[in-house]
Every structure is written in C-alpha cells, then in structure tokens.
Amino acid sequence: PVPANGGTLDLEFEAIRRGIASFDRLWLRWQGPFGLVWNQVMLPVERKVAVLPNVNSARDEAITLLQRSALADGHAQKRAGQGREFEALKDYQPGMGRRMIDWKRSARHGKLLAREFRIEENNNIVLAIDSGRLMCEPVDGVPKVDRAVTAALLSAFIALKGGDLVSLFSFDARPRVSSGAVRGSPSFTMIQKRAAEIDYSTEETNFTLALTTLSAKLDRRSLVIVFTDFVDPISAELMLRTVGRLTERHLVLFMLMRDLELETLADMAPAAPEDVARSVTAGDLLRQR
C-alpha cells in the first residue's frame, strides 16, 4: 500500500554490458487496499546512467606492477633508464655507451665519469580506442572493444600513478570520445566514466579522419597507443599510411589482439578432408596478420 503522504521506492538493476543506460520512463502499478483493483501510473524519468567497466582485475594487476618499483616504505622508486633527466654521475663501467661519458668532469677528476639519467615523468599518453565494426566482434565471448577498454584502463591507472598525463580518445567512422589530458590518481574515476561512453558501432573505422583529428589536438610530443584490429594486409596498409604524419612527431604503438578462433582452427587435428582445407586457410590468415 502507498502511504497517504507518499514514499520512496528503491529499484535495483543489473547491467549486462558496459555503456550508457538510458531510462526514459517508469511504469508503476500497485494494488488497491482490498486487492480488487490496481493503480497504474507512468512517470517520465529521462535519466542516463553510466555503466562503468569492471576494473577490479585491472586494478589488482596495476597494483602488482607498481609494487615491483616501490621501496620498502611504500614510496615510489626513482627509475634509472634512457631518459633525459640528469640524475647523477658515476664511475664509467665497461659496456656503457661512450655518449654517457662526461668528458669535462672526467678530465677534472682524472677518471672516467658517466652521466646517469632517470626515466622522466610528466609524459603525455593518449589511449586511442577503435570502436568500429571489427572491434565489436567477440574474442572468447567478450567483444574486442571491451577488452581494449580494460587494457586501456590498466594503462591509465599505472600512468596516472606514475605522474603522467593521460587522455582517452575513441573513434569509429568519426571521433567519438575525447577526454582531454588529466593528471593524478583521482582523475582515474573520470577516465573510467568516459570509457563507459565508448559505444558498440556497426560503422567502418575511418583512420584518416580519427588520427588527423587526434594529431590536431596534441600540442606536445606524446605516446599514442591505438587499440585496433584489421582483417587483411590491405586494410593494415591503409591504416599505416594514415599514421605517417602522426609518427613525425609522436611515438605510436598499435595494440592488436590474438585471434583465438583462427589459432584453434589452425591447430585442430583434421578428421576429414575439409578440415585440412580449413586449417590451411586459417594458417594463411594468421601469417597475413
């Protein structure tokens, strides 16, 4: 029964996939006091709810990776490497590159000294996700675009923890989602919400338009990670042609997924002549990839 002064109603929904859930209207029906009739009303809702990707597994993997480079007290360890930020001078050891030698200070101290650099932070990282038709095909029961979103969120979590700038970008026939560069661990929630806006598309991917638009948005040298897929060498060649201008200034990485279905067909033991033809065809497609 409905109280005379109204009341509240809590409804629980279970989302079956990632995305934006749209609630246009709500129908309510309740019985009268004697159970002989019921009252029914339709309420306009016009509300959208972001169904966020499940990042529990990605977060656990990211924390494990971050713990490897952490000190015993929990602080991040400075990582030495082929960076550009000067860290310290140390004695030259056999096997070091000659470019690392600081000749002026070596002459002053009477021994060879080498410059040690650390991997710089404050890098600009762009996670570009292709949400076109090919990326909506399932791999082991999960659409490729969902796997790409999970991998991108794992990368974003680690990069934000490391002090880098991260931006999310998605595209199919045209650019769809562009988050802008953010910094700091609290920004991961915003990246996660924008990832929920990446929808499943039936349109062919337009790499030329997407990467040209992305290049115009970048005002500093960036690492661009493109999560995508292709089916034949021709489409791959067209994709690589469009990335030429982007690679003049930025570092571009393409992240592709293993085709488990083709691998299973190629390795399947043949039981009939048509099985041999199927395995050979699958093997040719794998070599093309």
Protein backbone atom coordinates (compact mmCIF):
# COMPACT_ATOMS: atom_id res chain seq x y z
CA PRO A 1 0.00 0.00 0.00
CA VAL A 2 1.11 3.54 -0.77
CA PRO A 3 1.23 5.85 2.28
CA ALA A 4 -1.03 8.86 2.18
CA ASN A 5 1.92 11.22 2.31
CA GLY A 6 3.87 9.37 -0.40
CA GLY A 7 7.03 7.32 -0.02
CA THR A 8 10.22 6.13 -1.68
CA LEU A 9 10.93 3.12 -3.86
CA ASP A 10 14.35 1.56 -4.37
CA LEU A 11 14.85 -0.33 -7.64
CA GLU A 12 17.93 -2.40 -8.42
CA PHE A 13 19.10 -3.00 -11.98
CA GLU A 14 21.75 -5.40 -13.18
CA ALA A 15 23.64 -4.16 -16.23
CA ILE A 16 24.54 -6.78 -18.81
CA ARG A 17 27.15 -4.70 -20.65
CA ARG A 18 29.21 -1.54 -20.43
CA GLY A 19 27.81 1.72 -21.78
CA ILE A 20 25.24 4.43 -21.08
CA ALA A 21 21.93 3.12 -19.74
CA SER A 22 19.02 5.37 -20.69
CA PHE A 23 15.83 5.47 -18.58
CA ASP A 24 13.07 7.27 -20.50
CA ARG A 25 10.02 6.49 -18.37
CA LEU A 26 8.96 4.37 -15.42
CA TRP A 27 5.70 2.44 -15.02
CA LEU A 28 4.42 1.77 -11.51
CA ARG A 29 1.49 -0.46 -10.59
CA TRP A 30 0.17 -1.27 -7.12
CA GLN A 31 -2.91 -2.94 -5.74
CA GLY A 32 -5.74 -1.15 -4.02
CA PRO A 33 -6.48 -1.58 -0.32
CA PHE A 34 -8.83 -4.58 -0.89
CA GLY A 35 -6.82 -6.18 -3.70
CA LEU A 36 -9.71 -5.83 -6.17
CA VAL A 37 -8.18 -3.17 -8.44
CA TRP A 38 -4.77 -1.73 -9.10
CA ASN A 39 -3.47 1.71 -9.76
CA GLN A 40 -1.03 2.37 -12.58
CA VAL A 41 0.99 5.47 -13.37
CA MET A 42 3.69 6.36 -15.88
CA LEU A 43 6.42 8.73 -14.71
CA PRO A 44 8.87 10.43 -17.10
CA VAL A 45 12.44 9.88 -15.94
CA GLU A 46 14.72 10.95 -18.81
CA ARG A 47 17.85 9.94 -16.96
CA LYS A 48 21.07 8.35 -18.16
CA VAL A 49 23.35 6.24 -16.01
CA ALA A 50 26.93 5.35 -16.93
CA VAL A 51 27.57 1.60 -16.60
CA LEU A 52 31.25 1.61 -15.71
CA PRO A 53 33.64 -1.14 -16.81
CA ASN A 54 34.61 -3.65 -14.17
CA VAL A 55 38.22 -2.75 -13.42
CA ASN A 56 38.79 -4.88 -10.32
CA SER A 57 41.10 -7.30 -12.13
CA ALA A 58 42.89 -4.48 -13.96
CA ARG A 59 43.36 -2.56 -10.73
CA ASP A 60 44.85 -5.61 -8.99
CA GLU A 61 47.27 -6.15 -11.88
CA ALA A 62 48.25 -2.47 -11.84
CA ILE A 63 48.92 -2.52 -8.09
CA THR A 64 51.10 -5.61 -8.55
CA LEU A 65 53.11 -3.87 -11.26
CA LEU A 66 53.50 -0.72 -9.17
CA GLN A 67 54.68 -2.69 -6.13
CA ARG A 68 57.63 -4.01 -8.11
CA SER A 69 59.08 -0.49 -8.40
CA ALA A 70 58.21 0.63 -4.88
CA LEU A 71 60.59 0.88 -1.93
CA ALA A 72 60.08 -0.89 1.38
CA ASP A 73 58.48 2.22 2.90
CA GLY A 74 55.89 2.37 0.09
CA HIS A 75 57.36 5.34 -1.77
CA ALA A 76 57.92 5.14 -5.49
CA GLN A 77 61.42 4.26 -6.52
CA LYS A 78 63.25 6.52 -8.96
CA ARG A 79 63.84 4.54 -12.13
CA ALA A 80 67.09 4.88 -13.96
CA GLY A 81 66.99 4.42 -17.68
CA GLN A 82 67.33 6.00 -21.10
CA GLY A 83 65.62 9.21 -20.09
CA ARG A 84 66.62 12.83 -20.49
CA GLU A 85 66.56 13.98 -16.87
CA PHE A 86 70.03 14.07 -15.31
CA GLU A 87 70.26 12.03 -12.11
CA ALA A 88 73.90 11.69 -11.03
CA LEU A 89 77.48 10.98 -12.02
CA LYS A 90 79.01 7.56 -11.51
CA ASP A 91 82.18 5.74 -12.44
CA TYR A 92 82.31 4.59 -16.02
CA GLN A 93 81.90 0.80 -16.33
CA PRO A 94 82.81 -1.39 -19.33
CA GLY A 95 79.78 -1.81 -21.56
CA MET A 96 78.43 1.69 -21.08
CA GLY A 97 77.92 3.80 -24.19
CA ARG A 98 80.56 6.42 -24.94
CA ARG A 99 77.87 9.07 -25.20
CA MET A 100 77.26 8.68 -21.47
CA ILE A 101 80.81 9.84 -20.61
CA ASP A 102 81.06 13.37 -19.20
CA TRP A 103 84.44 14.35 -20.64
CA LYS A 104 84.81 17.68 -18.84
CA ARG A 105 84.21 16.27 -15.37
CA SER A 106 86.27 13.20 -16.21
CA ALA A 107 89.24 15.44 -17.06
CA ARG A 108 88.73 17.39 -13.82
CA HIS A 109 88.67 14.29 -11.62
CA GLY A 110 91.27 12.32 -13.53
CA LYS A 111 88.99 9.32 -14.18
CA LEU A 112 86.15 8.46 -16.48
CA LEU A 113 82.75 9.55 -15.17
CA ALA A 114 79.43 8.72 -16.82
CA ARG A 115 76.16 10.58 -16.62
CA GLU A 116 73.20 8.65 -15.22
CA PHE A 117 69.71 9.65 -16.27
CA ARG A 118 66.31 8.73 -14.91
CA ILE A 119 63.13 7.99 -16.78
CA GLU A 120 61.26 11.26 -16.96
CA GLU A 121 57.73 11.67 -15.71
CA ASN A 122 55.10 14.11 -16.92
CA ASN A 123 54.77 12.27 -20.24
CA ASN A 124 51.68 12.74 -22.36
CA ILE A 125 49.95 9.40 -23.05
CA VAL A 126 46.95 9.07 -25.37
CA LEU A 127 44.84 5.91 -25.26
CA ALA A 128 43.03 5.74 -28.62
CA ILE A 129 40.38 3.01 -28.87
CA ASP A 130 38.87 1.90 -32.17
CA SER A 131 35.18 1.12 -31.58
CA GLY A 132 34.31 0.31 -35.21
CA ARG A 133 32.60 -2.75 -36.60
CA LEU A 134 35.58 -5.11 -36.42
CA MET A 135 36.25 -4.25 -32.79
CA CYS A 136 32.74 -5.28 -31.80
CA GLU A 137 33.36 -8.91 -32.75
CA PRO A 138 33.79 -11.20 -29.73
CA VAL A 139 37.05 -12.82 -28.68
CA ASP A 140 36.49 -15.72 -26.30
CA GLY A 141 32.99 -14.43 -25.60
CA VAL A 142 33.93 -10.79 -24.93
CA PRO A 143 33.85 -8.02 -27.59
CA LYS A 144 37.28 -6.78 -28.62
CA VAL A 145 36.36 -3.21 -27.74
CA ASP A 146 35.60 -4.25 -24.15
CA ARG A 147 38.98 -5.97 -23.89
CA ALA A 148 40.59 -2.83 -25.32
CA VAL A 149 38.81 -0.66 -22.74
CA THR A 150 40.04 -2.90 -19.91
CA ALA A 151 43.63 -2.78 -21.19
CA ALA A 152 43.42 0.99 -21.65
CA LEU A 153 42.15 1.47 -18.10
CA LEU A 154 45.01 -0.65 -16.77
CA SER A 155 47.48 1.54 -18.67
CA ALA A 156 45.74 4.71 -17.46
CA PHE A 157 45.82 3.59 -13.82
CA ILE A 158 49.57 2.93 -13.93
CA ALA A 159 50.36 6.10 -15.89
CA LEU A 160 48.37 8.34 -13.54
CA LYS A 161 50.08 6.76 -10.54
CA GLY A 162 53.43 7.47 -12.20
CA GLY A 163 52.71 11.18 -12.64
CA ASP A 164 52.00 11.15 -16.38
CA LEU A 165 49.27 12.96 -18.29
CA VAL A 166 46.60 10.63 -19.70
CA SER A 167 43.83 11.24 -22.21
CA LEU A 168 41.21 8.89 -23.66
CA PHE A 169 40.14 9.03 -27.29
CA SER A 170 37.74 6.76 -29.20
CA PHE A 171 36.61 6.68 -32.81
CA ASP A 172 34.80 4.68 -35.47
CA ALA A 173 33.63 6.43 -38.65
CA ARG A 174 34.36 9.69 -36.84
CA PRO A 175 35.81 10.74 -33.46
CA ARG A 176 33.51 9.96 -30.56
CA VAL A 177 35.04 10.41 -27.09
CA SER A 178 37.81 12.83 -26.19
CA SER A 179 38.53 13.28 -22.50
CA GLY A 180 41.39 15.75 -22.61
CA ALA A 181 44.62 15.27 -20.68
CA VAL A 182 44.33 14.73 -16.92
CA ARG A 183 46.83 14.08 -14.17
CA GLY A 184 46.81 12.40 -10.76
CA SER A 185 45.21 9.27 -9.34
CA PRO A 186 41.84 10.94 -8.55
CA SER A 187 41.39 11.56 -12.29
CA PHE A 188 41.07 7.83 -12.92
CA THR A 189 37.38 7.97 -11.99
CA MET A 190 36.77 10.49 -14.78
CA ILE A 191 38.68 8.31 -17.29
CA GLN A 192 36.58 5.34 -16.20
CA LYS A 193 33.33 7.28 -16.74
CA ARG A 194 34.41 8.45 -20.19
CA ALA A 195 35.29 4.83 -21.06
CA ALA A 196 31.65 3.94 -20.35
CA GLU A 197 30.65 6.29 -23.19
CA ILE A 198 32.53 4.22 -25.79
CA ASP A 199 29.65 2.53 -27.60
CA TYR A 200 29.47 -0.51 -29.86
CA SER A 201 29.37 0.56 -33.50
CA THR A 202 28.39 -1.05 -36.80
CA GLU A 203 30.28 1.52 -38.90
CA GLU A 204 33.63 1.04 -40.59
CA THR A 205 36.58 2.76 -38.95
CA ASN A 206 37.89 5.91 -40.61
CA PHE A 207 41.54 6.06 -39.51
CA THR A 208 42.32 9.09 -41.64
CA LEU A 209 39.70 11.31 -40.01
CA ALA A 210 40.33 9.97 -36.50
CA LEU A 211 44.11 10.24 -36.47
CA THR A 212 44.09 13.61 -38.24
CA THR A 213 41.70 14.95 -35.60
CA LEU A 214 43.82 13.48 -32.83
CA SER A 215 47.01 14.97 -34.28
CA ALA A 216 45.43 18.42 -34.30
CA LYS A 217 44.57 18.10 -30.59
CA LEU A 218 48.12 17.24 -29.48
CA ASP A 219 50.31 20.24 -28.70
CA ARG A 220 53.28 18.29 -27.30
CA ARG A 221 55.14 15.10 -28.10
CA SER A 222 53.04 12.16 -26.95
CA LEU A 223 52.88 8.40 -26.73
CA VAL A 224 49.79 7.35 -28.71
CA ILE A 225 48.57 3.80 -28.07
CA VAL A 226 45.99 2.71 -30.66
CA PHE A 227 43.83 -0.29 -29.75
CA THR A 228 42.51 -1.62 -33.06
CA ASP A 229 42.25 -4.62 -35.38
CA PHE A 230 42.32 -5.44 -39.08
CA VAL A 231 41.43 -8.46 -41.22
CA ASP A 232 43.80 -8.35 -44.21
CA PRO A 233 47.08 -6.74 -45.35
CA ILE A 234 45.24 -4.17 -47.50
CA SER A 235 43.35 -2.67 -44.57
CA ALA A 236 46.54 -2.73 -42.48
CA GLU A 237 48.47 -0.90 -45.21
CA LEU A 238 45.79 1.78 -45.46
CA MET A 239 45.85 2.17 -41.70
CA LEU A 240 49.63 2.59 -41.63
CA ARG A 241 49.55 5.18 -44.41
CA THR A 242 47.32 7.43 -42.36
CA VAL A 243 49.59 7.28 -39.33
CA GLY A 244 52.63 8.61 -41.19
CA ARG A 245 52.08 12.26 -40.29
CA LEU A 246 51.41 11.35 -36.66
CA THR A 247 54.72 9.47 -36.35
CA GLU A 248 56.70 12.51 -37.48
CA ARG A 249 56.33 13.99 -34.01
CA HIS A 250 54.78 11.33 -31.77
CA LEU A 251 55.53 7.74 -30.82
CA VAL A 252 52.68 5.49 -31.99
CA LEU A 253 52.04 1.93 -30.82
CA PHE A 254 49.38 -0.37 -32.25
CA MET A 255 47.91 -2.91 -29.84
CA LEU A 256 46.34 -5.89 -31.58
CA MET A 257 44.64 -8.97 -30.16
CA ARG A 258 45.28 -12.61 -30.81
CA ASP A 259 42.64 -14.30 -32.92
CA LEU A 260 41.90 -17.35 -30.78
CA GLU A 261 39.37 -18.71 -33.27
CA LEU A 262 41.90 -18.77 -36.11
CA GLU A 263 44.56 -20.31 -33.87
CA THR A 264 42.15 -23.04 -32.79
CA LEU A 265 41.23 -23.85 -36.41
CA ALA A 266 44.87 -23.88 -37.49
CA ASP A 267 45.93 -26.26 -34.69
CA MET A 268 42.88 -28.53 -34.84
CA ALA A 269 43.65 -32.14 -35.72
CA PRO A 270 41.99 -32.90 -39.07
CA ALA A 271 39.38 -35.65 -39.16
CA ALA A 272 38.13 -35.08 -42.72
CA PRO A 273 39.49 -33.52 -45.96
CA GLU A 274 37.55 -30.30 -45.39
CA ASP A 275 39.27 -29.96 -42.00
CA VAL A 276 42.64 -29.84 -43.78
CA ALA A 277 41.45 -27.06 -46.08
CA ARG A 278 40.06 -25.16 -43.10
CA SER A 279 43.34 -25.46 -41.17
CA VAL A 280 45.41 -24.33 -44.18
CA THR A 281 43.17 -21.30 -44.73
CA ALA A 282 43.33 -20.36 -41.04
CA GLY A 283 47.13 -20.70 -41.11
CA ASP A 284 47.38 -18.40 -44.14
CA LEU A 285 45.24 -15.78 -42.41
CA LEU A 286 47.43 -15.98 -39.29
CA ARG A 287 50.57 -15.46 -41.38
CA GLN A 288 48.99 -12.42 -43.01
CA ARG A 289 48.27 -10.95 -39.58
